[in-house]
């Protein structure tokens, strides 16, 4: 058992490196310019400012140097500064992690509160109508994409909004 766990732990390293390399490579071969997308294609930024931003962000370096710098920042737990808020990313993560953990714990509790009674009911009444209903609910819950459940559970303005909500300007 010890050798199995050790072997699996050692396999984590190449898997993480390979997957990060694939993601990094895919981000670099995407069409378009990342800085133009960052600026919202406003057209208000001149070539001189774009060149300065490329240099500041390290986008003027070769890909292998960009990747090596990114890996070093991740390993040293210093991911840099946010390009949107200009604060350290570690600070943003420290703010977001408690809320994320709270949301994950709440989702787990809700899942357990729903799943355990349905599972017990299905196990004690096998092949009955309530068992089939429980199975349908379980399979439906697993099949439904989590990205689809979030918008449907939050209130939103009607699609033909008359502009009665504040616009934020």
C-alpha atoms as a PDB file:
ATOM      1  CA  UNK A   1       0.000   0.000   0.000  1.00  0.00           C
ATOM      2  CA  UNK A   2       2.853   2.363   0.905  1.00  0.00           C
ATOM      3  CA  UNK A   3       4.572   1.808  -2.458  1.00  0.00           C
ATOM      4  CA  UNK A   4       1.309   2.382  -4.312  1.00  0.00           C
ATOM      5  CA  UNK A   5       0.673   5.702  -2.566  1.00  0.00           C
ATOM      6  CA  UNK A   6       4.285   6.788  -3.078  1.00  0.00           C
ATOM      7  CA  UNK A   7       4.143   5.888  -6.781  1.00  0.00           C
ATOM      8  CA  UNK A   8       0.880   7.821  -7.199  1.00  0.00           C
ATOM      9  CA  UNK A   9       2.300  10.846  -5.386  1.00  0.00           C
ATOM     10  CA  UNK A  10       5.364  10.809  -7.639  1.00  0.00           C
ATOM     11  CA  UNK A  11       3.141  10.623 -10.721  1.00  0.00           C
ATOM     12  CA  UNK A  12       1.458  13.861  -9.674  1.00  0.00           C
ATOM     13  CA  UNK A  13       4.532  15.878 -10.658  1.00  0.00           C
ATOM     14  CA  UNK A  14       4.726  14.897 -14.353  1.00  0.00           C
ATOM     15  CA  UNK A  15       0.946  15.063 -14.703  1.00  0.00           C
ATOM     16  CA  UNK A  16       0.882  18.618 -13.339  1.00  0.00           C
ATOM     17  CA  UNK A  17       3.809  19.671 -15.521  1.00  0.00           C
ATOM     18  CA  UNK A  18       2.313  18.132 -18.646  1.00  0.00           C
ATOM     19  CA  UNK A  19      -1.159  19.561 -18.066  1.00  0.00           C
ATOM     20  CA  UNK A  20       0.237  23.016 -17.277  1.00  0.00           C
ATOM     21  CA  UNK A  21       2.371  22.853 -20.416  1.00  0.00           C
ATOM     22  CA  UNK A  22      -0.660  21.923 -22.526  1.00  0.00           C
ATOM     23  CA  UNK A  23      -2.770  24.742 -21.060  1.00  0.00           C
ATOM     24  CA  UNK A  24       0.088  27.242 -21.411  1.00  0.00           C
ATOM     25  CA  UNK A  25       0.635  26.177 -25.006  1.00  0.00           C
ATOM     26  CA  UNK A  26      -3.051  26.412 -25.868  1.00  0.00           C
ATOM     27  CA  UNK A  27      -3.210  29.906 -24.394  1.00  0.00           C
ATOM     28  CA  UNK A  28      -0.300  30.979 -26.612  1.00  0.00           C
ATOM     29  CA  UNK A  29      -1.672  29.588 -29.878  1.00  0.00           C
ATOM     30  CA  UNK A  30      -5.093  31.186 -29.524  1.00  0.00           C
ATOM     31  CA  UNK A  31      -5.801  33.697 -32.264  1.00  0.00           C
ATOM     32  CA  UNK A  32      -5.680  37.363 -31.388  1.00  0.00           C
ATOM     33  CA  UNK A  33      -3.633  39.435 -29.027  1.00  0.00           C
ATOM     34  CA  UNK A  34      -4.079  38.977 -25.284  1.00  0.00           C
ATOM     35  CA  UNK A  35      -3.398  42.647 -24.605  1.00  0.00           C
ATOM     36  CA  UNK A  36      -5.998  43.796 -27.117  1.00  0.00           C
ATOM     37  CA  UNK A  37      -8.513  41.485 -25.424  1.00  0.00           C
ATOM     38  CA  UNK A  38      -7.410  42.819 -22.035  1.00  0.00           C
ATOM     39  CA  UNK A  39      -7.944  46.394 -23.108  1.00  0.00           C
ATOM     40  CA  UNK A  40     -11.443  45.510 -24.318  1.00  0.00           C
ATOM     41  CA  UNK A  41     -10.515  46.318 -27.899  1.00  0.00           C
ATOM     42  CA  UNK A  42     -11.144  49.949 -27.036  1.00  0.00           C
ATOM     43  CA  UNK A  43      -8.518  51.190 -29.453  1.00  0.00           C
ATOM     44  CA  UNK A  44      -7.483  53.881 -26.957  1.00  0.00           C
ATOM     45  CA  UNK A  45      -4.060  52.342 -26.366  1.00  0.00           C
ATOM     46  CA  UNK A  46      -1.228  53.203 -28.720  1.00  0.00           C
ATOM     47  CA  UNK A  47       1.512  50.918 -29.956  1.00  0.00           C
ATOM     48  CA  UNK A  48       4.016  52.438 -27.526  1.00  0.00           C
ATOM     49  CA  UNK A  49       1.787  51.663 -24.530  1.00  0.00           C
ATOM     50  CA  UNK A  50       1.136  48.138 -25.832  1.00  0.00           C
ATOM     51  CA  UNK A  51       4.884  47.542 -26.214  1.00  0.00           C
ATOM     52  CA  UNK A  52       5.470  48.775 -22.645  1.00  0.00           C
ATOM     53  CA  UNK A  53       2.700  46.512 -21.320  1.00  0.00           C
ATOM     54  CA  UNK A  54       4.121  43.533 -23.231  1.00  0.00           C
ATOM     55  CA  UNK A  55       7.514  44.201 -21.653  1.00  0.00           C
ATOM     56  CA  UNK A  56       6.028  44.680 -18.151  1.00  0.00           C
ATOM     57  CA  UNK A  57       4.014  41.453 -18.411  1.00  0.00           C
ATOM     58  CA  UNK A  58       6.901  39.527 -19.955  1.00  0.00           C
ATOM     59  CA  UNK A  59       4.977  38.816 -23.159  1.00  0.00           C
ATOM     60  CA  UNK A  60       7.956  39.965 -25.235  1.00  0.00           C
ATOM     61  CA  UNK A  61      10.044  37.016 -23.986  1.00  0.00           C
ATOM     62  CA  UNK A  62      10.208  33.647 -25.758  1.00  0.00           C
ATOM     63  CA  UNK A  63       7.536  31.125 -24.768  1.00  0.00           C
ATOM     64  CA  UNK A  64       9.911  28.825 -22.921  1.00  0.00           C
ATOM     65  CA  UNK A  65      11.084  31.739 -20.728  1.00  0.00           C
ATOM     66  CA  UNK A  66       7.491  32.781 -20.041  1.00  0.00           C
ATOM     67  CA  UNK A  67       6.631  29.228 -19.044  1.00  0.00           C
ATOM     68  CA  UNK A  68       9.715  28.847 -16.837  1.00  0.00           C
ATOM     69  CA  UNK A  69       8.943  32.143 -15.085  1.00  0.00           C
ATOM     70  CA  UNK A  70       5.322  31.109 -14.555  1.00  0.00           C
ATOM     71  CA  UNK A  71       6.321  27.705 -13.141  1.00  0.00           C
ATOM     72  CA  UNK A  72       8.854  29.368 -10.803  1.00  0.00           C
ATOM     73  CA  UNK A  73       6.210  31.821  -9.560  1.00  0.00           C
ATOM     74  CA  UNK A  74       3.784  28.960  -8.876  1.00  0.00           C
ATOM     75  CA  UNK A  75       6.393  26.805  -7.107  1.00  0.00           C
ATOM     76  CA  UNK A  76       7.591  29.727  -4.977  1.00  0.00           C
ATOM     77  CA  UNK A  77       3.941  30.576  -4.102  1.00  0.00           C
ATOM     78  CA  UNK A  78       4.352  34.086  -5.481  1.00  0.00           C
ATOM     79  CA  UNK A  79       2.040  34.242  -8.516  1.00  0.00           C
ATOM     80  CA  UNK A  80       2.599  37.965  -9.053  1.00  0.00           C
ATOM     81  CA  UNK A  81       0.200  40.883  -9.279  1.00  0.00           C
ATOM     82  CA  UNK A  82      -3.258  41.021 -10.806  1.00  0.00           C
ATOM     83  CA  UNK A  83      -3.418  42.944 -14.058  1.00  0.00           C
ATOM     84  CA  UNK A  84      -6.907  44.122 -13.157  1.00  0.00           C
ATOM     85  CA  UNK A  85      -6.556  45.261  -9.524  1.00  0.00           C
ATOM     86  CA  UNK A  86      -2.745  45.604  -9.358  1.00  0.00           C
ATOM     87  CA  UNK A  87      -2.729  43.874  -5.968  1.00  0.00           C
ATOM     88  CA  UNK A  88      -0.828  40.665  -5.246  1.00  0.00           C
ATOM     89  CA  UNK A  89      -2.714  37.589  -6.414  1.00  0.00           C
ATOM     90  CA  UNK A  90      -1.933  35.923  -3.075  1.00  0.00           C
ATOM     91  CA  UNK A  91      -3.945  38.658  -1.334  1.00  0.00           C
ATOM     92  CA  UNK A  92      -6.873  38.110  -3.710  1.00  0.00           C
ATOM     93  CA  UNK A  93      -6.710  34.367  -3.053  1.00  0.00           C
ATOM     94  CA  UNK A  94      -6.646  34.941   0.708  1.00  0.00           C
ATOM     95  CA  UNK A  95      -9.846  36.944   0.341  1.00  0.00           C
ATOM     96  CA  UNK A  96     -11.562  34.433  -1.957  1.00  0.00           C
ATOM     97  CA  UNK A  97     -10.623  31.100  -0.364  1.00  0.00           C
ATOM     98  CA  UNK A  98     -12.790  31.429   2.792  1.00  0.00           C
ATOM     99  CA  UNK A  99     -15.860  32.289   0.736  1.00  0.00           C
ATOM    100  CA  UNK A 100     -15.124  29.449  -1.674  1.00  0.00           C
ATOM    101  CA  UNK A 101     -14.701  26.941   1.148  1.00  0.00           C
ATOM    102  CA  UNK A 102     -17.933  28.131   2.757  1.00  0.00           C
ATOM    103  CA  UNK A 103     -19.795  27.725  -0.525  1.00  0.00           C
ATOM    104  CA  UNK A 104     -18.296  24.259  -1.084  1.00  0.00           C
ATOM    105  CA  UNK A 105     -19.228  23.162   2.442  1.00  0.00           C
ATOM    106  CA  UNK A 106     -22.780  24.438   2.004  1.00  0.00           C
ATOM    107  CA  UNK A 107     -23.093  22.612  -1.324  1.00  0.00           C
ATOM    108  CA  UNK A 108     -21.804  19.422   0.303  1.00  0.00           C
ATOM    109  CA  UNK A 109     -24.281  19.698   3.180  1.00  0.00           C
ATOM    110  CA  UNK A 110     -27.168  20.310   0.792  1.00  0.00           C
ATOM    111  CA  UNK A 111     -26.043  17.364  -1.336  1.00  0.00           C
ATOM    112  CA  UNK A 112     -25.824  15.060   1.660  1.00  0.00           C
ATOM    113  CA  UNK A 113     -29.200  16.198   3.020  1.00  0.00           C
ATOM    114  CA  UNK A 114     -30.779  15.361  -0.327  1.00  0.00           C
ATOM    115  CA  UNK A 115     -28.741  12.283  -1.304  1.00  0.00           C
ATOM    116  CA  UNK A 116     -28.743  10.256   1.924  1.00  0.00           C
ATOM    117  CA  UNK A 117     -32.533  10.068   2.367  1.00  0.00           C
ATOM    118  CA  UNK A 118     -33.029   9.255  -1.318  1.00  0.00           C
ATOM    119  CA  UNK A 119     -30.316   6.577  -1.133  1.00  0.00           C
ATOM    120  CA  UNK A 120     -31.772   5.037   2.011  1.00  0.00           C
ATOM    121  CA  UNK A 121     -35.256   5.050   0.492  1.00  0.00           C
ATOM    122  CA  UNK A 122     -33.997   3.436  -2.712  1.00  0.00           C
ATOM    123  CA  UNK A 123     -32.009   0.812  -0.796  1.00  0.00           C
ATOM    124  CA  UNK A 124     -34.849  -0.182   1.519  1.00  0.00           C
ATOM    125  CA  UNK A 125     -37.514  -0.252  -1.202  1.00  0.00           C
ATOM    126  CA  UNK A 126     -35.692  -1.827  -4.133  1.00  0.00           C
ATOM    127  CA  UNK A 127     -37.481  -1.997  -7.463  1.00  0.00           C
ATOM    128  CA  UNK A 128     -40.493  -0.050  -6.183  1.00  0.00           C
ATOM    129  CA  UNK A 129     -41.892   3.162  -7.630  1.00  0.00           C
ATOM    130  CA  UNK A 130     -40.098   5.254  -4.996  1.00  0.00           C
ATOM    131  CA  UNK A 131     -36.815   3.474  -5.868  1.00  0.00           C
ATOM    132  CA  UNK A 132     -37.239   4.386  -9.542  1.00  0.00           C
ATOM    133  CA  UNK A 133     -38.101   7.983  -8.666  1.00  0.00           C
ATOM    134  CA  UNK A 134     -34.991   8.138  -6.468  1.00  0.00           C
ATOM    135  CA  UNK A 135     -32.850   6.770  -9.282  1.00  0.00           C
ATOM    136  CA  UNK A 136     -34.248   9.311 -11.726  1.00  0.00           C
ATOM    137  CA  UNK A 137     -33.547  12.147  -9.279  1.00  0.00           C
ATOM    138  CA  UNK A 138     -30.007  10.871  -8.658  1.00  0.00           C
ATOM    139  CA  UNK A 139     -29.151  10.436 -12.330  1.00  0.00           C
ATOM    140  CA  UNK A 140     -30.757  13.780 -13.187  1.00  0.00           C
ATOM    141  CA  UNK A 141     -28.724  15.487 -10.494  1.00  0.00           C
ATOM    142  CA  UNK A 142     -25.519  13.999 -11.847  1.00  0.00           C
ATOM    143  CA  UNK A 143     -26.412  14.732 -15.473  1.00  0.00           C
ATOM    144  CA  UNK A 144     -27.419  18.345 -15.021  1.00  0.00           C
ATOM    145  CA  UNK A 145     -24.407  20.613 -15.604  1.00  0.00           C
ATOM    146  CA  UNK A 146     -23.475  22.697 -12.586  1.00  0.00           C
ATOM    147  CA  UNK A 147     -23.011  25.732 -14.818  1.00  0.00           C
ATOM    148  CA  UNK A 148     -26.665  25.468 -15.795  1.00  0.00           C
ATOM    149  CA  UNK A 149     -27.988  25.314 -12.259  1.00  0.00           C
ATOM    150  CA  UNK A 150     -26.442  28.567 -11.048  1.00  0.00           C
ATOM    151  CA  UNK A 151     -28.219  30.981 -13.416  1.00  0.00           C
ATOM    152  CA  UNK A 152     -31.559  29.282 -12.888  1.00  0.00           C
ATOM    153  CA  UNK A 153     -31.329  29.592  -9.117  1.00  0.00           C
ATOM    154  CA  UNK A 154     -30.485  33.286  -9.014  1.00  0.00           C
ATOM    155  CA  UNK A 155     -32.982  36.047  -9.661  1.00  0.00           C
ATOM    156  CA  UNK A 156     -32.498  37.970 -12.870  1.00  0.00           C
ATOM    157  CA  UNK A 157     -34.344  40.775 -14.607  1.00  0.00           C
ATOM    158  CA  UNK A 158     -36.775  39.822 -17.359  1.00  0.00           C
ATOM    159  CA  UNK A 159     -35.297  39.609 -20.835  1.00  0.00           C
ATOM    160  CA  UNK A 160     -37.385  42.521 -22.082  1.00  0.00           C
ATOM    161  CA  UNK A 161     -36.222  44.868 -19.331  1.00  0.00           C
ATOM    162  CA  UNK A 162     -37.615  48.384 -19.585  1.00  0.00           C
ATOM    163  CA  UNK A 163     -34.556  49.988 -18.100  1.00  0.00           C
ATOM    164  CA  UNK A 164     -36.111  50.504 -14.676  1.00  0.00           C
ATOM    165  CA  UNK A 165     -33.064  48.975 -12.977  1.00  0.00           C
ATOM    166  CA  UNK A 166     -30.059  51.200 -12.326  1.00  0.00           C
ATOM    167  CA  UNK A 167     -27.460  50.955 -15.056  1.00  0.00           C
ATOM    168  CA  UNK A 168     -24.451  51.578 -12.836  1.00  0.00           C
ATOM    169  CA  UNK A 169     -23.324  54.699 -14.700  1.00  0.00           C
END
